[in-house]
Protein backbone atom coordinates (compact mmCIF):
# COMPACT_ATOMS: atom_id res chain seq x y z
CA UNK A 1 47.20 96.71 56.50
CA UNK A 2 45.81 100.57 56.73
CA UNK A 3 43.35 101.61 54.21
CA UNK A 4 44.10 104.50 51.40
CA UNK A 5 41.90 107.00 51.35
CA UNK A 6 41.85 108.98 48.00
CA UNK A 7 40.57 112.63 47.47
CA UNK A 8 40.44 114.82 44.47
CA UNK A 9 43.72 116.04 44.88
CA UNK A 10 45.35 114.10 48.08
CA UNK A 11 46.03 110.70 49.04
CA UNK A 12 46.08 109.45 52.87
CA UNK A 13 48.17 106.51 53.14
CA UNK A 14 50.82 104.12 54.69
CA UNK A 15 54.34 105.51 55.22
CA UNK A 16 56.28 104.42 52.06
CA UNK A 17 60.07 104.69 50.94
CA UNK A 18 61.01 108.25 50.37
CA UNK A 19 58.79 109.93 52.76
CA UNK A 20 61.32 109.83 55.26
CA UNK A 21 64.04 112.12 53.01
CA UNK A 22 60.85 114.16 52.18
CA UNK A 23 59.96 114.68 56.21
CA UNK A 24 63.38 116.13 56.76
CA UNK A 25 64.09 118.62 53.61
CA UNK A 26 60.67 120.50 55.16
CA UNK A 27 62.30 123.23 57.42
CA UNK A 28 60.69 123.92 60.56
CA UNK A 29 58.86 127.28 59.63
CA UNK A 30 57.67 129.49 62.08
CA UNK A 31 54.27 129.85 61.06
CA UNK A 32 53.85 125.77 61.13
CA UNK A 33 55.51 125.80 64.64
CA UNK A 34 53.30 128.19 66.10
CA UNK A 35 50.39 127.07 64.95
CA UNK A 36 51.37 123.53 66.26
CA UNK A 37 52.35 124.88 69.73
CA UNK A 38 55.93 125.07 69.31
CA UNK A 39 58.05 127.66 70.72
CA UNK A 40 60.91 129.95 68.59
CA UNK A 41 63.78 127.63 70.50
CA UNK A 42 61.95 124.60 68.34
CA UNK A 43 62.84 126.09 65.07
CA UNK A 44 66.33 123.81 65.06
CA UNK A 45 66.15 121.43 61.89
CA UNK A 46 64.48 118.04 62.47
CA UNK A 47 66.54 115.78 63.19
CA UNK A 48 67.11 112.01 61.41
CA UNK A 49 65.90 110.25 64.86
CA UNK A 50 62.70 112.91 65.29
CA UNK A 51 61.57 112.07 61.63
CA UNK A 52 62.07 107.97 61.97
CA UNK A 53 59.85 108.24 65.04
CA UNK A 54 57.36 110.49 63.51
CA UNK A 55 57.08 107.83 60.68
CA UNK A 56 57.37 104.84 62.95
CA UNK A 57 54.18 106.38 65.03
CA UNK A 58 52.26 106.72 61.86
CA UNK A 59 52.90 103.10 60.92
CA UNK A 60 52.17 101.90 64.60
CA UNK A 61 48.72 103.81 64.45
CA UNK A 62 45.58 102.04 63.21
CA UNK A 63 44.58 105.48 62.24
CA UNK A 64 46.99 107.57 60.51
CA UNK A 65 47.98 108.61 57.71
CA UNK A 66 50.53 109.89 55.49
CA UNK A 67 49.17 113.05 53.67
CA UNK A 68 50.28 113.16 49.99
CA UNK A 69 49.71 115.72 47.39
CA UNK A 70 51.43 115.70 43.72
CA UNK A 71 53.30 113.09 44.67
CA UNK A 72 55.03 114.43 47.26
CA UNK A 73 54.88 114.10 51.46
CA UNK A 74 52.55 117.18 52.34
CA UNK A 75 51.42 116.06 56.01
CA UNK A 76 50.10 114.04 58.40
CA UNK A 77 46.04 112.76 59.27
CA UNK A 78 44.52 110.90 62.53
CA UNK A 79 42.18 109.66 64.33
CA UNK A 80 43.31 109.25 68.05
CA UNK A 81 42.11 108.74 71.63
CA UNK A 82 39.18 106.14 69.69
CA UNK A 83 36.35 105.62 72.51
CA UNK A 84 34.67 102.16 70.98
CA UNK A 85 31.94 101.98 73.73
CA UNK A 86 31.31 106.16 73.50
CA UNK A 87 31.87 105.70 69.75
CA UNK A 88 34.42 108.57 69.31
CA UNK A 89 37.48 110.20 68.38
CA UNK A 90 39.60 112.75 68.20
CA UNK A 91 40.75 114.33 64.88
CA UNK A 92 44.43 115.80 64.52
CA UNK A 93 45.79 117.49 61.29
CA UNK A 94 49.26 118.91 60.16
CA UNK A 95 51.14 119.97 57.17
CA UNK A 96 54.55 120.49 56.50
CA UNK A 97 54.77 122.27 53.73
CA UNK A 98 53.77 126.08 54.24
CA UNK A 99 53.55 126.79 50.39
CA UNK A 100 50.48 124.25 50.23
CA UNK A 101 48.51 126.20 53.29
CA UNK A 102 44.83 128.17 52.75
CA UNK A 103 44.39 126.18 49.17
CA UNK A 104 42.01 124.19 50.44
CA UNK A 105 44.16 120.45 51.02
CA UNK A 106 43.02 121.04 54.61
CA UNK A 107 39.45 120.57 53.95
CA UNK A 108 39.89 117.78 51.61
CA UNK A 109 41.48 116.10 54.09
CA UNK A 110 39.33 116.54 57.04
CA UNK A 111 36.11 115.56 54.64
CA UNK A 112 38.10 112.65 53.91
CA UNK A 113 38.58 111.29 57.62
CA UNK A 114 35.02 112.38 58.47
CA UNK A 115 33.76 110.11 55.85
CA UNK A 116 35.76 107.21 57.10
CA UNK A 117 35.10 107.76 60.74
CA UNK A 118 31.33 108.17 60.48
CA UNK A 119 30.81 105.64 57.35
CA UNK A 120 33.42 103.05 58.34
CA UNK A 121 34.37 103.12 61.51
CA UNK A 122 30.71 104.01 62.44
CA UNK A 123 31.83 106.49 64.92
CA UNK A 124 28.88 109.30 66.43
CA UNK A 125 31.23 111.62 67.20
CA UNK A 126 34.56 113.60 66.48
CA UNK A 127 36.31 116.25 68.18
CA UNK A 128 39.61 118.11 68.21
CA UNK A 129 41.57 120.93 70.12
CA UNK A 130 42.84 123.56 68.14
CA UNK A 131 45.29 127.02 69.72
CA UNK A 132 42.81 129.99 69.40
CA UNK A 133 45.15 131.74 67.27
CA UNK A 134 45.37 129.51 64.38
CA UNK A 135 42.38 131.02 62.50
CA UNK A 136 42.97 129.14 59.30
CA UNK A 137 42.33 125.67 60.87
CA UNK A 138 39.09 126.85 62.79
CA UNK A 139 38.12 128.21 59.58
CA UNK A 140 38.93 125.10 57.53
CA UNK A 141 36.98 123.01 60.80
CA UNK A 142 34.28 125.02 60.43
CA UNK A 143 33.71 124.86 56.75
CA UNK A 144 34.05 121.03 57.02
CA UNK A 145 30.98 120.87 60.07
CA UNK A 146 32.72 121.12 63.28
CA UNK A 147 31.20 123.70 65.91
CA UNK A 148 33.20 125.35 68.52
CA UNK A 149 31.90 123.94 71.90
CA UNK A 150 34.01 125.48 74.61
CA UNK A 151 37.50 126.75 75.47
CA UNK A 152 40.33 125.25 77.76
CA UNK A 153 41.73 128.84 79.12
CA UNK A 154 45.53 129.44 79.00
CA UNK A 155 46.25 125.92 78.46
CA UNK A 156 48.62 125.99 75.68
CA UNK A 157 52.11 127.93 77.04
CA UNK A 158 53.76 129.34 73.57
CA UNK A 159 56.48 131.93 73.22
CA UNK A 160 55.95 132.94 76.76
CA UNK A 161 52.25 133.59 76.59
CA UNK A 162 49.69 131.68 77.52
CA UNK A 163 46.80 130.91 74.71
CA UNK A 164 43.37 129.18 74.82
CA UNK A 165 42.71 125.90 73.10
CA UNK A 166 39.40 125.97 71.39
CA UNK A 167 37.15 122.32 71.70
CA UNK A 168 35.79 122.03 68.58
CA UNK A 169 33.36 118.94 67.67
CA UNK A 170 30.98 117.75 65.16
CA UNK A 171 28.37 114.60 65.17
CA UNK A 172 27.67 112.00 62.34
CA UNK A 173 24.05 113.18 61.84
CA UNK A 174 25.54 116.65 61.68
CA UNK A 175 28.13 115.69 58.88
CA UNK A 176 27.65 116.70 55.16
CA UNK A 177 29.93 114.41 53.13
């Protein structure tokens, strides 16, 4: 059973009854789709099959959680690509409720996952990839201690244009809870 992580405003937990319906209730917001690297053609409503696959992926991944805020599904957070020898993993965070962006919930979720990664899993390093135009996410990650370590030039093709991915990393010794 997956460990539940609790913050002041969010809970990171296993999927539960009602998550599928809540995930389906979120229309694809153009800004969120773009920040995930999606294209305008991806604006069709999410299907039951897509939402079911999404939920199953969270259930099956050992370090993936549904993010809950005020009793409602907000998004997902995960550590993936875990390398036990090098004690490293990659972090990913995604919110689906556009109204909840920019109010500090991303920082809270990120810090909860980082605390778990460094204190419980004893990881040495956590890194992530973020589209260079996703300024809100970059600010969030920087406030949590990540630094920009590099750039993959023109690595994401979004709406007919090539965009850069930034690589950001954080070492356990630099993490300030």
